[in-house]
């Protein structure tokens, strides 16, 4: 591994660590204000690779009910393969999709107030955007304009329906994008982590709110 690869891996690990630390902080906040076991977009911790289950912010293997961010026991090292247009497209698409989801949830909060699970999920989405921003900088991919997001419905019930469709879109995006980044261990790991967060934490939170 070259010196450049080592530096890239170190920065990527820090970025993913920031996501996981933010998720742990959300867990503390969620547990202090929500009934035990109720979906709220909170987070959990685990020790293996991406997976997880239930509302919240975080990632990792099947997590306990209540949402979860799962720490990984190790972070895959980046490869020496140079970035390609396929990688650039995957990172750009992920960035636009995640900033669109973040903006949508912020629009809901602006309209309805700091309601759950939106308040918790927004913090998670901000970590996702930060992770993608760092990866794009590492690989020299130009940062596109952030997406504007969708307007907020007038009721929480309709906003939660919007959250469900938004997360389903995010999950489908990662399913397609992960097939394009298999040569980049750090990007593949980050995509899998964020996909797990959406599928097994955010989506259930919106389905139950």
C-alpha atoms as a PDB file:
ATOM      1  CA  UNK A   1       0.000   0.000   0.000  1.00  0.00           C
ATOM      2  CA  UNK A   2       1.405   3.402  -0.984  1.00  0.00           C
ATOM      3  CA  UNK A   3       1.694   6.370   1.351  1.00  0.00           C
ATOM      4  CA  UNK A   4      -1.206   8.025  -0.491  1.00  0.00           C
ATOM      5  CA  UNK A   5      -3.393   4.949   0.051  1.00  0.00           C
ATOM      6  CA  UNK A   6      -2.511   4.919   3.739  1.00  0.00           C
ATOM      7  CA  UNK A   7      -3.445   8.587   4.138  1.00  0.00           C
ATOM      8  CA  UNK A   8      -6.679   8.018   2.218  1.00  0.00           C
ATOM      9  CA  UNK A   9      -7.604   5.062   4.416  1.00  0.00           C
ATOM     10  CA  UNK A  10      -6.899   7.033   7.591  1.00  0.00           C
ATOM     11  CA  UNK A  11      -9.166   9.901   6.538  1.00  0.00           C
ATOM     12  CA  UNK A  12     -11.901   7.533   5.430  1.00  0.00           C
ATOM     13  CA  UNK A  13     -11.786   5.722   8.760  1.00  0.00           C
ATOM     14  CA  UNK A  14     -12.133   9.035  10.559  1.00  0.00           C
ATOM     15  CA  UNK A  15     -15.136   9.924   8.443  1.00  0.00           C
ATOM     16  CA  UNK A  16     -16.876   6.611   9.120  1.00  0.00           C
ATOM     17  CA  UNK A  17     -15.964   6.880  12.806  1.00  0.00           C
ATOM     18  CA  UNK A  18     -17.692  10.268  12.876  1.00  0.00           C
ATOM     19  CA  UNK A  19     -20.867   8.664  11.497  1.00  0.00           C
ATOM     20  CA  UNK A  20     -20.802   5.968  14.147  1.00  0.00           C
ATOM     21  CA  UNK A  21     -20.035   8.376  16.997  1.00  0.00           C
ATOM     22  CA  UNK A  22     -22.913  10.579  15.899  1.00  0.00           C
ATOM     23  CA  UNK A  23     -25.197   7.540  15.907  1.00  0.00           C
ATOM     24  CA  UNK A  24     -24.162   6.613  19.441  1.00  0.00           C
ATOM     25  CA  UNK A  25     -24.905  10.169  20.562  1.00  0.00           C
ATOM     26  CA  UNK A  26     -28.364   9.906  18.998  1.00  0.00           C
ATOM     27  CA  UNK A  27     -29.021   6.699  20.904  1.00  0.00           C
ATOM     28  CA  UNK A  28     -28.459   8.505  24.181  1.00  0.00           C
ATOM     29  CA  UNK A  29     -30.849  11.277  23.196  1.00  0.00           C
ATOM     30  CA  UNK A  30     -33.492   8.878  21.904  1.00  0.00           C
ATOM     31  CA  UNK A  31     -33.409   6.664  24.979  1.00  0.00           C
ATOM     32  CA  UNK A  32     -33.948   9.684  27.199  1.00  0.00           C
ATOM     33  CA  UNK A  33     -37.174  10.734  25.499  1.00  0.00           C
ATOM     34  CA  UNK A  34     -38.816   7.732  23.858  1.00  0.00           C
ATOM     35  CA  UNK A  35     -40.581   4.669  25.279  1.00  0.00           C
ATOM     36  CA  UNK A  36     -38.461   1.571  25.327  1.00  0.00           C
ATOM     37  CA  UNK A  37     -38.606  -0.328  22.055  1.00  0.00           C
ATOM     38  CA  UNK A  38     -40.548   2.353  20.133  1.00  0.00           C
ATOM     39  CA  UNK A  39     -39.210   3.318  16.710  1.00  0.00           C
ATOM     40  CA  UNK A  40     -37.722   6.819  16.871  1.00  0.00           C
ATOM     41  CA  UNK A  41     -34.856   7.031  14.438  1.00  0.00           C
ATOM     42  CA  UNK A  42     -32.329   6.441  17.227  1.00  0.00           C
ATOM     43  CA  UNK A  43     -29.232   4.296  17.070  1.00  0.00           C
ATOM     44  CA  UNK A  44     -27.565   1.183  18.407  1.00  0.00           C
ATOM     45  CA  UNK A  45     -24.068  -0.215  18.441  1.00  0.00           C
ATOM     46  CA  UNK A  46     -22.719  -3.561  17.308  1.00  0.00           C
ATOM     47  CA  UNK A  47     -19.327  -4.887  16.427  1.00  0.00           C
ATOM     48  CA  UNK A  48     -19.529  -6.460  13.018  1.00  0.00           C
ATOM     49  CA  UNK A  49     -20.028  -5.471   9.411  1.00  0.00           C
ATOM     50  CA  UNK A  50     -22.949  -3.441   7.997  1.00  0.00           C
ATOM     51  CA  UNK A  51     -26.515  -4.592   8.688  1.00  0.00           C
ATOM     52  CA  UNK A  52     -28.980  -3.543  11.350  1.00  0.00           C
ATOM     53  CA  UNK A  53     -32.664  -3.405  11.968  1.00  0.00           C
ATOM     54  CA  UNK A  54     -35.033  -0.729  13.115  1.00  0.00           C
ATOM     55  CA  UNK A  55     -35.485   3.013  13.216  1.00  0.00           C
ATOM     56  CA  UNK A  56     -32.677   5.288  13.752  1.00  0.00           C
ATOM     57  CA  UNK A  57     -29.390   6.451  12.654  1.00  0.00           C
ATOM     58  CA  UNK A  58     -26.552   4.058  12.284  1.00  0.00           C
ATOM     59  CA  UNK A  59     -25.504   0.995  10.500  1.00  0.00           C
ATOM     60  CA  UNK A  60     -24.216  -2.524  10.837  1.00  0.00           C
ATOM     61  CA  UNK A  61     -25.497  -6.041  11.199  1.00  0.00           C
ATOM     62  CA  UNK A  62     -28.934  -6.868  12.472  1.00  0.00           C
ATOM     63  CA  UNK A  63     -29.348  -4.535  15.372  1.00  0.00           C
ATOM     64  CA  UNK A  64     -31.640  -4.677  18.360  1.00  0.00           C
ATOM     65  CA  UNK A  65     -35.117  -3.180  18.127  1.00  0.00           C
ATOM     66  CA  UNK A  66     -35.100   0.592  18.443  1.00  0.00           C
ATOM     67  CA  UNK A  67     -32.714   1.447  15.645  1.00  0.00           C
ATOM     68  CA  UNK A  68     -29.043   1.123  15.320  1.00  0.00           C
ATOM     69  CA  UNK A  69     -25.687   2.208  14.247  1.00  0.00           C
ATOM     70  CA  UNK A  70     -23.272  -0.642  14.192  1.00  0.00           C
ATOM     71  CA  UNK A  71     -19.594  -0.218  14.660  1.00  0.00           C
ATOM     72  CA  UNK A  72     -17.380  -2.415  12.572  1.00  0.00           C
ATOM     73  CA  UNK A  73     -14.518  -4.381  13.964  1.00  0.00           C
ATOM     74  CA  UNK A  74     -12.279  -3.205  11.125  1.00  0.00           C
ATOM     75  CA  UNK A  75     -12.410  -0.896   8.145  1.00  0.00           C
ATOM     76  CA  UNK A  76     -11.486  -2.256   4.713  1.00  0.00           C
ATOM     77  CA  UNK A  77      -8.385  -0.647   3.294  1.00  0.00           C
ATOM     78  CA  UNK A  78      -8.647   1.385   0.121  1.00  0.00           C
ATOM     79  CA  UNK A  79      -7.150  -0.096  -2.991  1.00  0.00           C
ATOM     80  CA  UNK A  80      -4.535   1.373  -5.295  1.00  0.00           C
ATOM     81  CA  UNK A  81      -6.979   1.396  -8.210  1.00  0.00           C
ATOM     82  CA  UNK A  82      -7.353   4.880  -9.677  1.00  0.00           C
ATOM     83  CA  UNK A  83     -10.854   6.398  -9.619  1.00  0.00           C
ATOM     84  CA  UNK A  84     -12.900   5.960 -12.787  1.00  0.00           C
ATOM     85  CA  UNK A  85     -15.879   7.746 -14.290  1.00  0.00           C
ATOM     86  CA  UNK A  86     -18.013   4.906 -12.899  1.00  0.00           C
ATOM     87  CA  UNK A  87     -16.817   5.651  -9.372  1.00  0.00           C
ATOM     88  CA  UNK A  88     -17.340   9.368  -9.906  1.00  0.00           C
ATOM     89  CA  UNK A  89     -20.894   8.743 -11.122  1.00  0.00           C
ATOM     90  CA  UNK A  90     -21.670   6.508  -8.141  1.00  0.00           C
ATOM     91  CA  UNK A  91     -20.356   9.040  -5.622  1.00  0.00           C
ATOM     92  CA  UNK A  92     -22.136  11.933  -7.335  1.00  0.00           C
ATOM     93  CA  UNK A  93     -25.437  10.054  -7.432  1.00  0.00           C
ATOM     94  CA  UNK A  94     -25.119   9.093  -3.771  1.00  0.00           C
ATOM     95  CA  UNK A  95     -24.343  12.689  -2.806  1.00  0.00           C
ATOM     96  CA  UNK A  96     -27.320  14.104  -4.696  1.00  0.00           C
ATOM     97  CA  UNK A  97     -29.642  11.447  -3.271  1.00  0.00           C
ATOM     98  CA  UNK A  98     -28.502  11.917   0.327  1.00  0.00           C
ATOM     99  CA  UNK A  99     -28.564  15.733   0.167  1.00  0.00           C
ATOM    100  CA  UNK A 100     -32.042  15.493  -1.337  1.00  0.00           C
ATOM    101  CA  UNK A 101     -33.208  13.306   1.555  1.00  0.00           C
ATOM    102  CA  UNK A 102     -31.588  15.643   4.079  1.00  0.00           C
ATOM    103  CA  UNK A 103     -33.224  18.715   2.534  1.00  0.00           C
ATOM    104  CA  UNK A 104     -36.618  16.983   2.487  1.00  0.00           C
ATOM    105  CA  UNK A 105     -36.421  16.161   6.186  1.00  0.00           C
ATOM    106  CA  UNK A 106     -35.234  19.669   7.004  1.00  0.00           C
ATOM    107  CA  UNK A 107     -38.219  21.027   5.081  1.00  0.00           C
ATOM    108  CA  UNK A 108     -40.515  18.874   7.219  1.00  0.00           C
ATOM    109  CA  UNK A 109     -38.929  20.218  10.393  1.00  0.00           C
ATOM    110  CA  UNK A 110     -39.257  23.794   9.134  1.00  0.00           C
ATOM    111  CA  UNK A 111     -42.980  23.207   8.566  1.00  0.00           C
ATOM    112  CA  UNK A 112     -43.982  20.911  11.435  1.00  0.00           C
ATOM    113  CA  UNK A 113     -41.306  21.622  14.038  1.00  0.00           C
ATOM    114  CA  UNK A 114     -38.627  19.326  15.453  1.00  0.00           C
ATOM    115  CA  UNK A 115     -40.804  16.218  15.359  1.00  0.00           C
ATOM    116  CA  UNK A 116     -39.611  12.630  15.618  1.00  0.00           C
ATOM    117  CA  UNK A 117     -38.317  10.701  13.856  1.00  0.00           C
ATOM    118  CA  UNK A 118     -37.293  13.536  11.530  1.00  0.00           C
ATOM    119  CA  UNK A 119     -35.173  15.338  14.120  1.00  0.00           C
ATOM    120  CA  UNK A 120     -33.116  12.195  14.745  1.00  0.00           C
ATOM    121  CA  UNK A 121     -32.858  11.136  11.112  1.00  0.00           C
ATOM    122  CA  UNK A 122     -31.623  14.579  10.036  1.00  0.00           C
ATOM    123  CA  UNK A 123     -28.546  14.154  12.237  1.00  0.00           C
ATOM    124  CA  UNK A 124     -27.831  10.813  10.606  1.00  0.00           C
ATOM    125  CA  UNK A 125     -28.283  12.231   7.103  1.00  0.00           C
ATOM    126  CA  UNK A 126     -25.834  15.017   7.895  1.00  0.00           C
ATOM    127  CA  UNK A 127     -23.241  12.386   8.791  1.00  0.00           C
ATOM    128  CA  UNK A 128     -23.914  10.556   5.524  1.00  0.00           C
ATOM    129  CA  UNK A 129     -23.420  13.727   3.515  1.00  0.00           C
ATOM    130  CA  UNK A 130     -20.175  14.427   5.392  1.00  0.00           C
ATOM    131  CA  UNK A 131     -18.909  10.908   4.647  1.00  0.00           C
ATOM    132  CA  UNK A 132     -19.662  11.276   0.943  1.00  0.00           C
ATOM    133  CA  UNK A 133     -18.084  14.726   0.848  1.00  0.00           C
ATOM    134  CA  UNK A 134     -14.871  13.309   2.311  1.00  0.00           C
ATOM    135  CA  UNK A 135     -14.815  10.373  -0.116  1.00  0.00           C
ATOM    136  CA  UNK A 136     -15.304  12.658  -3.086  1.00  0.00           C
ATOM    137  CA  UNK A 137     -12.451  14.850  -1.908  1.00  0.00           C
ATOM    138  CA  UNK A 138     -10.214  11.794  -1.461  1.00  0.00           C
ATOM    139  CA  UNK A 139     -10.831  10.629  -5.016  1.00  0.00           C
ATOM    140  CA  UNK A 140     -10.808  14.053  -6.632  1.00  0.00           C
ATOM    141  CA  UNK A 141     -14.485  13.975  -7.623  1.00  0.00           C
ATOM    142  CA  UNK A 142     -16.106  17.382  -8.024  1.00  0.00           C
ATOM    143  CA  UNK A 143     -18.800  18.150  -5.480  1.00  0.00           C
ATOM    144  CA  UNK A 144     -22.153  18.808  -7.210  1.00  0.00           C
ATOM    145  CA  UNK A 145     -24.789  21.221  -5.994  1.00  0.00           C
ATOM    146  CA  UNK A 146     -26.834  19.807  -3.131  1.00  0.00           C
ATOM    147  CA  UNK A 147     -30.360  18.714  -4.018  1.00  0.00           C
ATOM    148  CA  UNK A 148     -33.239  20.916  -2.879  1.00  0.00           C
ATOM    149  CA  UNK A 149     -35.442  18.132  -1.553  1.00  0.00           C
ATOM    150  CA  UNK A 150     -39.222  17.882  -1.581  1.00  0.00           C
ATOM    151  CA  UNK A 151     -41.675  20.245   0.079  1.00  0.00           C
ATOM    152  CA  UNK A 152     -43.150  19.246   3.416  1.00  0.00           C
ATOM    153  CA  UNK A 153     -46.709  17.929   3.666  1.00  0.00           C
ATOM    154  CA  UNK A 154     -49.039  19.661   6.087  1.00  0.00           C
ATOM    155  CA  UNK A 155     -49.427  16.755   8.525  1.00  0.00           C
ATOM    156  CA  UNK A 156     -47.031  14.423  10.311  1.00  0.00           C
ATOM    157  CA  UNK A 157     -48.777  11.360   8.896  1.00  0.00           C
ATOM    158  CA  UNK A 158     -48.219  12.524   5.325  1.00  0.00           C
ATOM    159  CA  UNK A 159     -44.668  13.572   6.174  1.00  0.00           C
ATOM    160  CA  UNK A 160     -43.944  10.065   7.431  1.00  0.00           C
ATOM    161  CA  UNK A 161     -45.290   8.634   4.171  1.00  0.00           C
ATOM    162  CA  UNK A 162     -42.889  10.948   2.356  1.00  0.00           C
ATOM    163  CA  UNK A 163     -40.089   9.695   4.599  1.00  0.00           C
ATOM    164  CA  UNK A 164     -40.901   6.104   3.632  1.00  0.00           C
ATOM    165  CA  UNK A 165     -40.781   6.807  -0.106  1.00  0.00           C
ATOM    166  CA  UNK A 166     -37.603   8.858   0.297  1.00  0.00           C
ATOM    167  CA  UNK A 167     -35.775   6.088   2.139  1.00  0.00           C
ATOM    168  CA  UNK A 168     -36.949   3.500  -0.373  1.00  0.00           C
ATOM    169  CA  UNK A 169     -35.399   5.650  -3.074  1.00  0.00           C
ATOM    170  CA  UNK A 170     -32.141   5.911  -1.100  1.00  0.00           C
ATOM    171  CA  UNK A 171     -31.999   2.129  -0.635  1.00  0.00           C
ATOM    172  CA  UNK A 172     -32.585   1.462  -4.335  1.00  0.00           C
ATOM    173  CA  UNK A 173     -29.845   3.950  -5.193  1.00  0.00           C
ATOM    174  CA  UNK A 174     -27.300   2.166  -2.980  1.00  0.00           C
ATOM    175  CA  UNK A 175     -28.325  -1.242  -4.332  1.00  0.00           C
ATOM    176  CA  UNK A 176     -27.352  -0.045  -7.802  1.00  0.00           C
ATOM    177  CA  UNK A 177     -24.343   2.024  -6.743  1.00  0.00           C
ATOM    178  CA  UNK A 178     -22.636  -0.711  -4.713  1.00  0.00           C
ATOM    179  CA  UNK A 179     -22.258  -2.816  -7.854  1.00  0.00           C
ATOM    180  CA  UNK A 180     -20.146  -0.022  -9.366  1.00  0.00           C
ATOM    181  CA  UNK A 181     -17.649   0.436  -6.525  1.00  0.00           C
ATOM    182  CA  UNK A 182     -16.474  -3.104  -5.792  1.00  0.00           C
ATOM    183  CA  UNK A 183     -12.881  -2.170  -6.669  1.00  0.00           C
ATOM    184  CA  UNK A 184     -12.826   0.499  -3.939  1.00  0.00           C
ATOM    185  CA  UNK A 185     -12.978  -1.116  -0.505  1.00  0.00           C
ATOM    186  CA  UNK A 186     -13.404   2.129   1.437  1.00  0.00           C
ATOM    187  CA  UNK A 187     -16.240   3.384  -0.767  1.00  0.00           C
ATOM    188  CA  UNK A 188     -17.918  -0.022  -0.832  1.00  0.00           C
ATOM    189  CA  UNK A 189     -17.790  -0.212   2.970  1.00  0.00           C
ATOM    190  CA  UNK A 190     -19.210   3.307   3.378  1.00  0.00           C
ATOM    191  CA  UNK A 191     -22.025   2.641   0.892  1.00  0.00           C
ATOM    192  CA  UNK A 192     -22.958  -0.611   2.632  1.00  0.00           C
ATOM    193  CA  UNK A 193     -22.996   1.135   6.007  1.00  0.00           C
ATOM    194  CA  UNK A 194     -25.223   3.967   4.836  1.00  0.00           C
ATOM    195  CA  UNK A 195     -27.502   1.621   2.912  1.00  0.00           C
ATOM    196  CA  UNK A 196     -27.977  -0.429   6.065  1.00  0.00           C
ATOM    197  CA  UNK A 197     -28.821   2.698   8.038  1.00  0.00           C
ATOM    198  CA  UNK A 198     -31.540   3.630   5.581  1.00  0.00           C
ATOM    199  CA  UNK A 199     -33.002   0.135   5.197  1.00  0.00           C
ATOM    200  CA  UNK A 200     -32.931  -1.002   8.787  1.00  0.00           C
ATOM    201  CA  UNK A 201     -33.173   2.170  10.823  1.00  0.00           C
ATOM    202  CA  UNK A 202     -34.622   5.163   8.975  1.00  0.00           C
ATOM    203  CA  UNK A 203     -37.221   3.290   6.935  1.00  0.00           C
ATOM    204  CA  UNK A 204     -38.772   1.473   9.928  1.00  0.00           C
ATOM    205  CA  UNK A 205     -38.799   4.737  11.883  1.00  0.00           C
ATOM    206  CA  UNK A 206     -40.944   6.389   9.207  1.00  0.00           C
ATOM    207  CA  UNK A 207     -43.130   3.308   8.798  1.00  0.00           C
ATOM    208  CA  UNK A 208     -44.017   3.462  12.497  1.00  0.00           C
ATOM    209  CA  UNK A 209     -44.429   7.208  13.030  1.00  0.00           C
END
